Amino acid sequence: MIAVLKHELRLYFHSLTAYVFGAFLLAFVGIGAMLYNIQAAVSNFEYVLSFGCLVFVVIVPILTMRVIAEERKQKTDQLLYALPITTTQVIVGKYLALLIVYLIPLCLICFYPLIFSKYGDVYLLTSYGSILAFFIMGAALIALGVFISSLTDNQGFAAGIGIAVILLNYYSVSLSEYISSTAFGSVVVIYVLILVLGVVIRHLTRNDTLAYGIGFALFAVTIVTYYLDSSKFEGLLPKIMTKLSLFERFYVFVNGVFDMTAVVYYITFAVFFLFLSVQSLEKRRYN
């Protein structure tokens, strides 16, 4: 795993990937600091991070698009399977390299509240709590990017899908206001999600029986629940979109509350998509 970590770090720092990522993140946070802390004379550095969340839509796909997709395109992923380490160690090694690349510019950002505190009252506890949450949320999004990269051998396609998915998550709360809150509308969307889940399971496992079995079981449970008590589905879809939003949970930290529930959610989110990434590589190994 350490060998994979070192190899990935060399690739990132011998190319422009790490530098472009760091430049985008620092530039976006710098613009936010100029607008909020300097021009508007606001002492809350956490507002800058709230403003900077949008940069994840661009920088995470840029950072993660090649992590596995390029290996598949160049057929070098076959070499990974020949290494005396497990697929889990390969994914974890690549993921840790991504976190280090992400952590370096974030360490520089940690000096911002201290600098601003020399010229005014900055809430350091809230600021650094928000920076920690910013890191954990970014780590969760990077895990999502790794999984998307594992599904294809086209870097551009991986980046495009990553941008679309993260952008959808960013605006999910705003979009939930325009989504049907009727019970029937929620059921229709749940059916669509079950179909998507079935396709993903089949893609990862190449097991039609498992994919169809899980799909039909979820369909049956949804139908039975709907006919027994359809009121449970009223307003369900907007609630789900709000609960699944990574960015909405981050705003709790910005408001001065260190929410451990959000931290657990971010960690669970990251572990789940890393697990799916391992399964994706395992499927390719056995094929």
C-alpha atoms as a PDB file:
ATOM      1  CA  MET A   1       0.000   0.000   0.000  1.00  0.00           C
ATOM      2  CA  ILE A   2       2.874   2.382   0.817  1.00  0.00           C
ATOM      3  CA  ALA A   3       4.396   1.664  -2.609  1.00  0.00           C
ATOM      4  CA  VAL A   4       1.109   2.588  -4.302  1.00  0.00           C
ATOM      5  CA  LEU A   5       0.888   5.748  -2.186  1.00  0.00           C
ATOM      6  CA  LYS A   6       4.408   6.867  -3.135  1.00  0.00           C
ATOM      7  CA  HIS A   7       3.837   6.038  -6.799  1.00  0.00           C
ATOM      8  CA  GLU A   8       0.631   8.084  -6.917  1.00  0.00           C
ATOM      9  CA  LEU A   9       2.231  11.056  -5.171  1.00  0.00           C
ATOM     10  CA  ARG A  10       5.091  11.053  -7.690  1.00  0.00           C
ATOM     11  CA  LEU A  11       2.592  11.049 -10.543  1.00  0.00           C
ATOM     12  CA  TYR A  12       0.599  13.949  -9.096  1.00  0.00           C
ATOM     13  CA  PHE A  13       3.623  16.139  -8.372  1.00  0.00           C
ATOM     14  CA  HIS A  14       5.488  15.304 -11.587  1.00  0.00           C
ATOM     15  CA  SER A  15       2.434  16.404 -13.562  1.00  0.00           C
ATOM     16  CA  LEU A  16       0.255  19.508 -13.274  1.00  0.00           C
ATOM     17  CA  THR A  17      -2.606  17.768 -11.460  1.00  0.00           C
ATOM     18  CA  ALA A  18      -1.583  18.590  -7.873  1.00  0.00           C
ATOM     19  CA  TYR A  19      -0.606  22.150  -8.763  1.00  0.00           C
ATOM     20  CA  VAL A  20      -3.802  22.891 -10.711  1.00  0.00           C
ATOM     21  CA  PHE A  21      -5.885  21.445  -7.884  1.00  0.00           C
ATOM     22  CA  GLY A  22      -4.067  23.476  -5.223  1.00  0.00           C
ATOM     23  CA  ALA A  23      -4.166  26.649  -7.325  1.00  0.00           C
ATOM     24  CA  PHE A  24      -7.928  26.386  -7.892  1.00  0.00           C
ATOM     25  CA  LEU A  25      -8.640  25.753  -4.214  1.00  0.00           C
ATOM     26  CA  LEU A  26      -6.381  28.534  -2.938  1.00  0.00           C
ATOM     27  CA  ALA A  27      -7.614  31.000  -5.563  1.00  0.00           C
ATOM     28  CA  PHE A  28     -11.281  30.339  -4.787  1.00  0.00           C
ATOM     29  CA  VAL A  29     -10.797  30.578  -1.016  1.00  0.00           C
ATOM     30  CA  GLY A  30      -8.628  33.671  -1.523  1.00  0.00           C
ATOM     31  CA  ILE A  31     -11.373  35.371  -3.537  1.00  0.00           C
ATOM     32  CA  GLY A  32     -13.884  34.489  -0.824  1.00  0.00           C
ATOM     33  CA  ALA A  33     -11.598  35.886   1.887  1.00  0.00           C
ATOM     34  CA  MET A  34     -11.178  39.100  -0.082  1.00  0.00           C
ATOM     35  CA  LEU A  35     -14.942  39.507  -0.564  1.00  0.00           C
ATOM     36  CA  TYR A  36     -16.018  38.600   2.967  1.00  0.00           C
ATOM     37  CA  ASN A  37     -13.158  39.246   5.399  1.00  0.00           C
ATOM     38  CA  ILE A  38     -11.426  42.171   3.702  1.00  0.00           C
ATOM     39  CA  GLN A  39     -13.896  44.059   1.508  1.00  0.00           C
ATOM     40  CA  ALA A  40     -17.052  43.444   3.588  1.00  0.00           C
ATOM     41  CA  ALA A  41     -15.087  43.447   6.893  1.00  0.00           C
ATOM     42  CA  VAL A  42     -16.792  40.260   8.113  1.00  0.00           C
ATOM     43  CA  SER A  43     -14.893  38.456  10.880  1.00  0.00           C
ATOM     44  CA  ASN A  44     -16.395  35.014  10.183  1.00  0.00           C
ATOM     45  CA  PHE A  45     -13.833  33.040   8.157  1.00  0.00           C
ATOM     46  CA  GLU A  46     -16.262  30.109   8.035  1.00  0.00           C
ATOM     47  CA  TYR A  47     -18.394  32.123   5.593  1.00  0.00           C
ATOM     48  CA  VAL A  48     -15.454  31.981   3.194  1.00  0.00           C
ATOM     49  CA  LEU A  49     -15.505  28.174   3.313  1.00  0.00           C
ATOM     50  CA  SER A  50     -19.250  28.216   2.692  1.00  0.00           C
ATOM     51  CA  PHE A  51     -18.575  30.325  -0.397  1.00  0.00           C
ATOM     52  CA  GLY A  52     -15.686  28.042  -1.402  1.00  0.00           C
ATOM     53  CA  CYS A  53     -17.779  24.869  -1.392  1.00  0.00           C
ATOM     54  CA  LEU A  54     -18.711  25.413  -5.024  1.00  0.00           C
ATOM     55  CA  VAL A  55     -15.091  24.863  -6.075  1.00  0.00           C
ATOM     56  CA  PHE A  56     -15.477  21.136  -5.295  1.00  0.00           C
ATOM     57  CA  VAL A  57     -17.663  20.834  -8.388  1.00  0.00           C
ATOM     58  CA  VAL A  58     -14.567  21.467 -10.531  1.00  0.00           C
ATOM     59  CA  ILE A  59     -11.503  20.445  -8.531  1.00  0.00           C
ATOM     60  CA  VAL A  60     -12.620  17.010  -7.305  1.00  0.00           C
ATOM     61  CA  PRO A  61     -13.313  15.637 -10.829  1.00  0.00           C
ATOM     62  CA  ILE A  62     -10.006  17.154 -12.019  1.00  0.00           C
ATOM     63  CA  LEU A  63      -8.147  15.418  -9.212  1.00  0.00           C
ATOM     64  CA  THR A  64      -9.854  12.024  -9.399  1.00  0.00           C
ATOM     65  CA  MET A  65     -10.670  11.551 -13.085  1.00  0.00           C
ATOM     66  CA  ARG A  66      -7.425   9.739 -13.913  1.00  0.00           C
ATOM     67  CA  VAL A  67      -6.901   7.794 -10.680  1.00  0.00           C
ATOM     68  CA  ILE A  68      -8.267   4.514 -12.080  1.00  0.00           C
ATOM     69  CA  ALA A  69      -9.628   5.444 -15.520  1.00  0.00           C
ATOM     70  CA  GLU A  70      -6.114   6.112 -16.842  1.00  0.00           C
ATOM     71  CA  GLU A  71      -4.890   2.792 -15.447  1.00  0.00           C
ATOM     72  CA  ARG A  72      -7.652   0.991 -17.342  1.00  0.00           C
ATOM     73  CA  LYS A  73      -7.008   2.920 -20.549  1.00  0.00           C
ATOM     74  CA  GLN A  74      -3.257   2.187 -20.518  1.00  0.00           C
ATOM     75  CA  LYS A  75      -3.894  -1.422 -19.390  1.00  0.00           C
ATOM     76  CA  THR A  76      -1.516  -0.824 -16.478  1.00  0.00           C
ATOM     77  CA  ASP A  77      -4.237  -1.888 -14.053  1.00  0.00           C
ATOM     78  CA  GLN A  78      -3.186  -5.462 -14.880  1.00  0.00           C
ATOM     79  CA  LEU A  79       0.086  -4.721 -13.101  1.00  0.00           C
ATOM     80  CA  LEU A  80      -1.825  -3.770  -9.964  1.00  0.00           C
ATOM     81  CA  TYR A  81      -3.405  -7.199  -9.852  1.00  0.00           C
ATOM     82  CA  ALA A  82       0.053  -8.775  -9.997  1.00  0.00           C
ATOM     83  CA  LEU A  83       1.255  -6.907  -6.920  1.00  0.00           C
ATOM     84  CA  PRO A  84       1.439  -8.865  -3.623  1.00  0.00           C
ATOM     85  CA  ILE A  85      -1.262  -6.662  -2.094  1.00  0.00           C
ATOM     86  CA  THR A  86      -5.038  -6.784  -2.047  1.00  0.00           C
ATOM     87  CA  THR A  87      -7.367  -4.642  -4.140  1.00  0.00           C
ATOM     88  CA  THR A  88      -8.433  -2.868  -0.964  1.00  0.00           C
ATOM     89  CA  GLN A  89      -4.839  -1.816  -0.305  1.00  0.00           C
ATOM     90  CA  VAL A  90      -4.547  -0.500  -3.867  1.00  0.00           C
ATOM     91  CA  ILE A  91      -7.666   1.655  -3.491  1.00  0.00           C
ATOM     92  CA  VAL A  92      -6.677   2.865  -0.024  1.00  0.00           C
ATOM     93  CA  GLY A  93      -3.174   3.749  -1.235  1.00  0.00           C
ATOM     94  CA  LYS A  94      -4.553   5.779  -4.143  1.00  0.00           C
ATOM     95  CA  TYR A  95      -7.135   7.409  -1.881  1.00  0.00           C
ATOM     96  CA  LEU A  96      -4.561   8.431   0.730  1.00  0.00           C
ATOM     97  CA  ALA A  97      -2.426  10.001  -2.008  1.00  0.00           C
ATOM     98  CA  LEU A  98      -5.436  12.063  -3.086  1.00  0.00           C
ATOM     99  CA  LEU A  99      -6.057  13.141   0.518  1.00  0.00           C
ATOM    100  CA  ILE A 100      -2.441  14.295   0.877  1.00  0.00           C
ATOM    101  CA  VAL A 101      -2.707  16.361  -2.312  1.00  0.00           C
ATOM    102  CA  TYR A 102      -5.933  17.856  -0.917  1.00  0.00           C
ATOM    103  CA  LEU A 103      -4.454  18.445   2.541  1.00  0.00           C
ATOM    104  CA  ILE A 104      -1.446  20.491   1.396  1.00  0.00           C
ATOM    105  CA  PRO A 105      -3.365  23.594   0.174  1.00  0.00           C
ATOM    106  CA  LEU A 106      -5.756  23.173   3.106  1.00  0.00           C
ATOM    107  CA  CYS A 107      -2.803  23.495   5.513  1.00  0.00           C
ATOM    108  CA  LEU A 108      -2.012  26.858   3.915  1.00  0.00           C
ATOM    109  CA  ILE A 109      -5.647  27.901   4.336  1.00  0.00           C
ATOM    110  CA  CYS A 110      -5.342  27.148   8.064  1.00  0.00           C
ATOM    111  CA  PHE A 111      -3.118  30.242   8.405  1.00  0.00           C
ATOM    112  CA  TYR A 112      -5.849  32.572   7.129  1.00  0.00           C
ATOM    113  CA  PRO A 113      -7.867  32.819  10.384  1.00  0.00           C
ATOM    114  CA  LEU A 114      -4.672  33.486  12.355  1.00  0.00           C
ATOM    115  CA  ILE A 115      -3.662  36.274   9.980  1.00  0.00           C
ATOM    116  CA  PHE A 116      -7.102  37.878  10.093  1.00  0.00           C
ATOM    117  CA  SER A 117      -7.216  37.583  13.899  1.00  0.00           C
ATOM    118  CA  LYS A 118      -4.327  40.080  14.033  1.00  0.00           C
ATOM    119  CA  TYR A 119      -6.621  42.731  12.589  1.00  0.00           C
ATOM    120  CA  GLY A 120      -9.942  41.889  14.233  1.00  0.00           C
ATOM    121  CA  ASP A 121     -11.962  39.412  16.298  1.00  0.00           C
ATOM    122  CA  VAL A 122     -12.088  36.091  14.459  1.00  0.00           C
ATOM    123  CA  TYR A 123     -13.964  33.126  15.951  1.00  0.00           C
ATOM    124  CA  LEU A 124     -11.047  30.696  15.778  1.00  0.00           C
ATOM    125  CA  LEU A 125     -12.885  27.709  17.262  1.00  0.00           C
ATOM    126  CA  THR A 126     -15.690  27.986  14.725  1.00  0.00           C
ATOM    127  CA  SER A 127     -13.227  28.709  11.918  1.00  0.00           C
ATOM    128  CA  TYR A 128     -11.074  25.650  12.556  1.00  0.00           C
ATOM    129  CA  GLY A 129     -14.092  23.448  13.207  1.00  0.00           C
ATOM    130  CA  SER A 130     -15.390  24.501   9.786  1.00  0.00           C
ATOM    131  CA  ILE A 131     -11.985  23.830   8.188  1.00  0.00           C
ATOM    132  CA  LEU A 132     -12.018  20.318   9.658  1.00  0.00           C
ATOM    133  CA  ALA A 133     -15.541  19.746   8.318  1.00  0.00           C
ATOM    134  CA  PHE A 134     -14.401  21.191   4.968  1.00  0.00           C
ATOM    135  CA  PHE A 135     -11.631  18.590   4.846  1.00  0.00           C
ATOM    136  CA  ILE A 136     -13.912  15.677   5.773  1.00  0.00           C
ATOM    137  CA  MET A 137     -16.545  16.744   3.239  1.00  0.00           C
ATOM    138  CA  GLY A 138     -13.863  17.002   0.565  1.00  0.00           C
ATOM    139  CA  ALA A 139     -12.606  13.540   1.520  1.00  0.00           C
ATOM    140  CA  ALA A 140     -16.124  12.159   1.021  1.00  0.00           C
ATOM    141  CA  LEU A 141     -16.409  13.798  -2.410  1.00  0.00           C
ATOM    142  CA  ILE A 142     -12.972  12.464  -3.401  1.00  0.00           C
ATOM    143  CA  ALA A 143     -14.142   8.921  -2.526  1.00  0.00           C
ATOM    144  CA  LEU A 144     -17.120   9.482  -4.831  1.00  0.00           C
ATOM    145  CA  GLY A 145     -14.743  10.646  -7.569  1.00  0.00           C
ATOM    146  CA  VAL A 146     -12.590   7.526  -7.158  1.00  0.00           C
ATOM    147  CA  PHE A 147     -15.640   5.317  -7.636  1.00  0.00           C
ATOM    148  CA  ILE A 148     -16.752   7.196 -10.770  1.00  0.00           C
ATOM    149  CA  SER A 149     -13.217   6.884 -12.177  1.00  0.00           C
ATOM    150  CA  SER A 150     -13.308   3.119 -11.553  1.00  0.00           C
ATOM    151  CA  LEU A 151     -16.336   2.713 -13.822  1.00  0.00           C
ATOM    152  CA  THR A 152     -14.728   3.883 -17.060  1.00  0.00           C
ATOM    153  CA  ASP A 153     -11.449   4.119 -18.965  1.00  0.00           C
ATOM    154  CA  ASN A 154     -12.255   7.609 -20.302  1.00  0.00           C
ATOM    155  CA  GLN A 155     -10.923  10.461 -18.159  1.00  0.00           C
ATOM    156  CA  GLY A 156     -13.148  13.056 -19.815  1.00  0.00           C
ATOM    157  CA  PHE A 157     -16.254  10.960 -19.227  1.00  0.00           C
ATOM    158  CA  ALA A 158     -15.273  10.381 -15.583  1.00  0.00           C
ATOM    159  CA  ALA A 159     -14.741  14.135 -15.085  1.00  0.00           C
ATOM    160  CA  GLY A 160     -18.052  15.001 -16.773  1.00  0.00           C
ATOM    161  CA  ILE A 161     -20.052  12.530 -14.676  1.00  0.00           C
ATOM    162  CA  GLY A 162     -18.250  13.705 -11.535  1.00  0.00           C
ATOM    163  CA  ILE A 163     -19.092  17.355 -12.219  1.00  0.00           C
ATOM    164  CA  ALA A 164     -22.739  16.493 -12.903  1.00  0.00           C
ATOM    165  CA  VAL A 165     -23.143  14.365  -9.759  1.00  0.00           C
ATOM    166  CA  ILE A 166     -21.438  16.858  -7.422  1.00  0.00           C
ATOM    167  CA  LEU A 167     -23.314  19.785  -8.972  1.00  0.00           C
ATOM    168  CA  LEU A 168     -26.592  17.922  -8.464  1.00  0.00           C
ATOM    169  CA  ASN A 169     -25.683  17.294  -4.828  1.00  0.00           C
ATOM    170  CA  TYR A 170     -24.733  20.959  -4.384  1.00  0.00           C
ATOM    171  CA  TYR A 171     -28.105  22.205  -5.657  1.00  0.00           C
ATOM    172  CA  SER A 172     -30.188  19.292  -4.348  1.00  0.00           C
ATOM    173  CA  VAL A 173     -31.775  21.338  -1.551  1.00  0.00           C
ATOM    174  CA  SER A 174     -32.740  24.144  -3.952  1.00  0.00           C
ATOM    175  CA  LEU A 175     -34.075  21.635  -6.485  1.00  0.00           C
ATOM    176  CA  SER A 176     -36.103  19.838  -3.806  1.00  0.00           C
ATOM    177  CA  GLU A 177     -38.418  22.854  -3.664  1.00  0.00           C
ATOM    178  CA  TYR A 178     -39.469  22.173  -7.258  1.00  0.00           C
ATOM    179  CA  ILE A 179     -39.806  18.398  -6.926  1.00  0.00           C
ATOM    180  CA  SER A 180     -43.219  16.814  -6.571  1.00  0.00           C
ATOM    181  CA  SER A 181     -44.049  16.084  -2.936  1.00  0.00           C
ATOM    182  CA  THR A 182     -46.987  13.816  -3.764  1.00  0.00           C
ATOM    183  CA  ALA A 183     -46.897  10.181  -2.745  1.00  0.00           C
ATOM    184  CA  PHE A 184     -47.193   8.964  -6.351  1.00  0.00           C
ATOM    185  CA  GLY A 185     -44.350  11.213  -7.537  1.00  0.00           C
ATOM    186  CA  SER A 186     -42.086   9.913  -4.782  1.00  0.00           C
ATOM    187  CA  VAL A 187     -42.882   6.298  -5.715  1.00  0.00           C
ATOM    188  CA  VAL A 188     -42.055   6.919  -9.377  1.00  0.00           C
ATOM    189  CA  VAL A 189     -38.666   8.414  -8.499  1.00  0.00           C
ATOM    190  CA  ILE A 190     -37.946   5.559  -6.064  1.00  0.00           C
ATOM    191  CA  TYR A 191     -38.633   3.091  -8.898  1.00  0.00           C
ATOM    192  CA  VAL A 192     -36.159   4.957 -11.103  1.00  0.00           C
ATOM    193  CA  LEU A 193     -33.545   4.865  -8.329  1.00  0.00           C
ATOM    194  CA  ILE A 194     -34.111   1.122  -7.885  1.00  0.00           C
ATOM    195  CA  LEU A 195     -33.503   0.620 -11.614  1.00  0.00           C
ATOM    196  CA  VAL A 196     -30.279   2.618 -11.402  1.00  0.00           C
ATOM    197  CA  LEU A 197     -29.192   0.594  -8.369  1.00  0.00           C
ATOM    198  CA  GLY A 198     -29.878  -2.631 -10.247  1.00  0.00           C
ATOM    199  CA  VAL A 199     -27.760  -1.464 -13.187  1.00  0.00           C
ATOM    200  CA  VAL A 200     -24.879  -0.530 -10.856  1.00  0.00           C
ATOM    201  CA  ILE A 201     -25.048  -3.881  -9.032  1.00  0.00           C
ATOM    202  CA  ARG A 202     -25.045  -5.772 -12.318  1.00  0.00           C
ATOM    203  CA  HIS A 203     -22.118  -3.707 -13.599  1.00  0.00           C
ATOM    204  CA  LEU A 204     -20.090  -4.365 -10.457  1.00  0.00           C
ATOM    205  CA  THR A 205     -20.909  -8.055 -10.012  1.00  0.00           C
ATOM    206  CA  ARG A 206     -21.918  -9.304 -13.476  1.00  0.00           C
ATOM    207  CA  ASN A 207     -24.524 -11.288 -11.569  1.00  0.00           C
ATOM    208  CA  ASP A 208     -27.974 -10.955 -13.160  1.00  0.00           C
ATOM    209  CA  THR A 209     -29.636 -13.026 -10.456  1.00  0.00           C
ATOM    210  CA  LEU A 210     -28.364 -10.767  -7.677  1.00  0.00           C
ATOM    211  CA  ALA A 211     -29.260  -7.548  -9.540  1.00  0.00           C
ATOM    212  CA  TYR A 212     -32.777  -8.725 -10.474  1.00  0.00           C
ATOM    213  CA  GLY A 213     -33.352 -10.235  -7.025  1.00  0.00           C
ATOM    214  CA  ILE A 214     -32.510  -7.023  -5.169  1.00  0.00           C
ATOM    215  CA  GLY A 215     -34.473  -4.966  -7.697  1.00  0.00           C
ATOM    216  CA  PHE A 216     -37.647  -7.046  -7.464  1.00  0.00           C
ATOM    217  CA  ALA A 217     -37.408  -7.199  -3.647  1.00  0.00           C
ATOM    218  CA  LEU A 218     -37.177  -3.389  -3.409  1.00  0.00           C
ATOM    219  CA  PHE A 219     -40.009  -3.001  -5.936  1.00  0.00           C
ATOM    220  CA  ALA A 220     -42.209  -5.319  -3.867  1.00  0.00           C
ATOM    221  CA  VAL A 221     -41.451  -3.564  -0.584  1.00  0.00           C
ATOM    222  CA  THR A 222     -42.206  -0.176  -2.157  1.00  0.00           C
ATOM    223  CA  ILE A 223     -45.523  -1.353  -3.654  1.00  0.00           C
ATOM    224  CA  VAL A 224     -46.695  -3.005  -0.436  1.00  0.00           C
ATOM    225  CA  THR A 225     -45.761   0.017   1.672  1.00  0.00           C
ATOM    226  CA  TYR A 226     -47.489   2.377  -0.768  1.00  0.00           C
ATOM    227  CA  TYR A 227     -50.771   0.470  -0.688  1.00  0.00           C
ATOM    228  CA  LEU A 228     -50.715  -0.011   3.080  1.00  0.00           C
ATOM    229  CA  ASP A 229     -50.011   3.645   3.878  1.00  0.00           C
ATOM    230  CA  SER A 230     -49.380   5.989   0.955  1.00  0.00           C
ATOM    231  CA  SER A 231     -49.046   8.966   3.316  1.00  0.00           C
ATOM    232  CA  LYS A 232     -45.526   7.784   4.192  1.00  0.00           C
ATOM    233  CA  PHE A 233     -44.400   8.769   0.687  1.00  0.00           C
ATOM    234  CA  GLU A 234     -45.801  12.306   0.812  1.00  0.00           C
ATOM    235  CA  GLY A 235     -42.925  14.788   0.755  1.00  0.00           C
ATOM    236  CA  LEU A 236     -40.466  11.879   0.931  1.00  0.00           C
ATOM    237  CA  LEU A 237     -38.416  12.809  -2.125  1.00  0.00           C
ATOM    238  CA  PRO A 238     -37.629  16.417  -1.071  1.00  0.00           C
ATOM    239  CA  LYS A 239     -36.657  15.114   2.375  1.00  0.00           C
ATOM    240  CA  ILE A 240     -34.319  12.518   0.848  1.00  0.00           C
ATOM    241  CA  MET A 241     -32.678  15.132  -1.388  1.00  0.00           C
ATOM    242  CA  THR A 242     -32.090  17.367   1.633  1.00  0.00           C
ATOM    243  CA  LYS A 243     -30.744  14.545   3.807  1.00  0.00           C
ATOM    244  CA  LEU A 244     -28.341  13.296   1.118  1.00  0.00           C
ATOM    245  CA  SER A 245     -26.834  16.734   0.527  1.00  0.00           C
ATOM    246  CA  LEU A 246     -23.228  16.826   1.707  1.00  0.00           C
ATOM    247  CA  PHE A 247     -23.113  20.602   1.413  1.00  0.00           C
ATOM    248  CA  GLU A 248     -26.258  21.243   3.466  1.00  0.00           C
ATOM    249  CA  ARG A 249     -24.714  19.375   6.386  1.00  0.00           C
ATOM    250  CA  PHE A 250     -21.581  21.500   6.103  1.00  0.00           C
ATOM    251  CA  TYR A 251     -23.574  24.710   6.595  1.00  0.00           C
ATOM    252  CA  VAL A 252     -24.359  23.503  10.136  1.00  0.00           C
ATOM    253  CA  PHE A 253     -20.653  23.868  10.966  1.00  0.00           C
ATOM    254  CA  VAL A 254     -20.610  27.323   9.393  1.00  0.00           C
ATOM    255  CA  ASN A 255     -23.400  28.318  11.782  1.00  0.00           C
ATOM    256  CA  GLY A 256     -21.173  27.424  14.748  1.00  0.00           C
ATOM    257  CA  VAL A 257     -22.422  23.915  15.579  1.00  0.00           C
ATOM    258  CA  PHE A 258     -19.972  20.998  15.409  1.00  0.00           C
ATOM    259  CA  ASP A 259     -22.354  18.275  14.229  1.00  0.00           C
ATOM    260  CA  MET A 260     -20.975  14.784  14.916  1.00  0.00           C
ATOM    261  CA  THR A 261     -23.875  13.304  12.943  1.00  0.00           C
ATOM    262  CA  ALA A 262     -22.575  15.063   9.837  1.00  0.00           C
ATOM    263  CA  VAL A 263     -19.032  13.812  10.501  1.00  0.00           C
ATOM    264  CA  VAL A 264     -20.289  10.220  10.787  1.00  0.00           C
ATOM    265  CA  TYR A 265     -22.296  10.713   7.586  1.00  0.00           C
ATOM    266  CA  TYR A 266     -19.242  11.973   5.680  1.00  0.00           C
ATOM    267  CA  ILE A 267     -17.087   9.086   6.886  1.00  0.00           C
ATOM    268  CA  THR A 268     -19.788   6.531   6.066  1.00  0.00           C
ATOM    269  CA  PHE A 269     -20.246   8.115   2.631  1.00  0.00           C
ATOM    270  CA  ALA A 270     -16.498   7.861   1.930  1.00  0.00           C
ATOM    271  CA  VAL A 271     -16.211   4.263   3.143  1.00  0.00           C
ATOM    272  CA  PHE A 272     -19.250   3.211   1.095  1.00  0.00           C
ATOM    273  CA  PHE A 273     -17.875   4.557  -2.196  1.00  0.00           C
ATOM    274  CA  LEU A 274     -14.393   3.217  -1.506  1.00  0.00           C
ATOM    275  CA  PHE A 275     -16.015  -0.180  -0.959  1.00  0.00           C
ATOM    276  CA  LEU A 276     -17.790   0.146  -4.312  1.00  0.00           C
ATOM    277  CA  SER A 277     -14.476   1.106  -5.930  1.00  0.00           C
ATOM    278  CA  VAL A 278     -12.883  -2.061  -4.550  1.00  0.00           C
ATOM    279  CA  GLN A 279     -15.754  -4.130  -5.929  1.00  0.00           C
ATOM    280  CA  SER A 280     -15.375  -2.459  -9.322  1.00  0.00           C
ATOM    281  CA  LEU A 281     -11.678  -3.384  -9.471  1.00  0.00           C
ATOM    282  CA  GLU A 282     -12.367  -6.886  -8.213  1.00  0.00           C
ATOM    283  CA  LYS A 283     -14.906  -7.388 -10.995  1.00  0.00           C
ATOM    284  CA  ARG A 284     -12.328  -6.375 -13.611  1.00  0.00           C
ATOM    285  CA  ARG A 285      -9.703  -8.640 -12.048  1.00  0.00           C
ATOM    286  CA  TYR A 286     -11.899 -11.733 -12.318  1.00  0.00           C
ATOM    287  CA  ASN A 287     -13.034 -10.808 -15.819  1.00  0.00           C
END
